[in-house]
Amino acid sequence: MDARDIIKRPVITERSTDLMAEKKYTFEVDVKANKTQVKDAIEAIFGVKVEKVNIMNYQGKFKRMGKFGGYTNKRRKAIVKLTTDSQEIEFFEA
């Protein structure tokens, strides 16, 4: 997989903005990507050093549309911690 296929989008919430003070950034990633692929993709795209990656899986929720039921897409979220000597990711600062 290409690095741009692994990282889908940044997650901007109140909790994720609080974590940015600790050099932790949150991204939505591909459901098939593992921790080493996420680490390599972040380092390649943003040019920073990654210390640790935590990944959370979210199952799809059951939703109804009239009498028909189905599931939303499942998601995978990664919290990436940068090393202390690494620079900030400027994408989130804007």
Protein backbone atom coordinates (compact mmCIF):
# COMPACT_ATOMS: atom_id res chain seq x y z
CA MET A 1 0.00 0.00 0.00
CA ASP A 2 1.09 3.54 -0.69
CA ALA A 3 1.51 5.90 2.28
CA ARG A 4 -1.33 8.11 1.02
CA ASP A 5 -3.65 5.08 0.87
CA ILE A 6 -2.97 4.19 4.51
CA ILE A 7 -3.71 7.61 6.03
CA LYS A 8 -7.28 8.61 5.15
CA ARG A 9 -7.86 11.84 7.09
CA PRO A 10 -6.97 13.59 10.35
CA VAL A 11 -9.46 13.40 13.20
CA ILE A 12 -10.21 16.84 14.64
CA THR A 13 -12.14 16.61 17.91
CA GLU A 14 -11.87 18.30 21.29
CA ARG A 15 -10.01 15.32 22.70
CA SER A 16 -7.60 15.11 19.78
CA THR A 17 -6.75 18.81 20.04
CA ASP A 18 -6.00 18.34 23.76
CA LEU A 19 -3.68 15.43 22.90
CA MET A 20 -1.70 17.63 20.50
CA ALA A 21 -0.07 19.32 23.51
CA GLU A 22 1.52 15.92 24.30
CA LYS A 23 2.68 15.51 20.66
CA LYS A 24 -0.06 12.96 19.95
CA TYR A 25 -1.94 13.23 16.65
CA THR A 26 -5.05 11.32 15.61
CA PHE A 27 -5.72 9.95 12.12
CA GLU A 28 -8.32 7.73 10.51
CA VAL A 29 -6.43 4.95 8.75
CA ASP A 30 -7.19 2.05 6.41
CA VAL A 31 -8.81 -0.93 8.15
CA LYS A 32 -6.13 -3.31 6.84
CA ALA A 33 -3.13 -1.19 7.92
CA ASN A 34 -1.01 -2.31 10.88
CA LYS A 35 1.05 -0.22 13.32
CA THR A 36 4.33 -0.42 11.39
CA GLN A 37 2.63 0.64 8.14
CA VAL A 38 1.00 3.60 9.90
CA LYS A 39 4.34 4.61 11.44
CA ASP A 40 6.15 4.44 8.09
CA ALA A 41 3.37 6.38 6.34
CA ILE A 42 3.38 9.23 8.90
CA GLU A 43 7.17 9.50 8.74
CA ALA A 44 7.11 9.54 4.93
CA ILE A 45 4.29 12.07 4.50
CA PHE A 46 5.09 14.57 7.27
CA GLY A 47 8.84 14.06 7.74
CA VAL A 48 8.68 13.47 11.52
CA LYS A 49 9.88 10.70 13.86
CA VAL A 50 7.20 8.49 15.43
CA GLU A 51 7.74 7.00 18.88
CA LYS A 52 4.52 5.01 19.37
CA VAL A 53 1.28 4.12 17.56
CA ASN A 54 -2.00 3.13 19.25
CA ILE A 55 -4.80 1.76 17.05
CA MET A 56 -8.52 1.47 17.80
CA ASN A 57 -11.06 -0.47 15.75
CA TYR A 58 -14.68 0.66 15.48
CA GLN A 59 -17.33 -1.76 14.22
CA GLY A 60 -20.09 -0.54 11.93
CA LYS A 61 -23.33 0.56 13.58
CA PHE A 62 -26.68 -0.94 12.64
CA LYS A 63 -28.87 1.68 10.93
CA ARG A 64 -32.36 1.39 9.50
CA MET A 65 -33.80 3.08 6.44
CA GLY A 66 -37.50 2.36 6.62
CA LYS A 67 -37.95 -1.39 6.85
CA PHE A 68 -34.46 -2.13 5.54
CA GLY A 69 -31.50 -2.46 7.87
CA GLY A 70 -27.80 -2.30 7.23
CA TYR A 71 -24.47 -1.43 8.77
CA THR A 72 -22.31 1.67 8.42
CA ASN A 73 -18.67 1.21 7.41
CA LYS A 74 -16.25 0.04 10.06
CA ARG A 75 -13.42 2.42 10.92
CA ARG A 76 -9.89 2.30 12.31
CA LYS A 77 -8.34 5.18 14.21
CA ALA A 78 -4.65 5.65 15.05
CA ILE A 79 -3.14 7.90 17.72
CA VAL A 80 0.47 8.63 16.79
CA LYS A 81 2.96 9.89 19.40
CA LEU A 82 6.00 11.77 18.10
CA THR A 83 9.45 11.70 19.68
CA THR A 84 10.46 14.60 21.92
CA ASP A 85 13.09 15.89 19.48
CA SER A 86 10.71 15.70 16.50
CA GLN A 87 9.04 18.79 15.08
CA GLU A 88 5.30 19.46 15.18
CA ILE A 89 3.03 18.45 12.31
CA GLU A 90 2.15 21.77 10.67
CA PHE A 91 -1.00 20.34 9.11
CA PHE A 92 -2.78 20.54 12.47
CA GLU A 93 -1.53 23.98 13.45
CA ALA A 94 -3.57 25.90 10.85
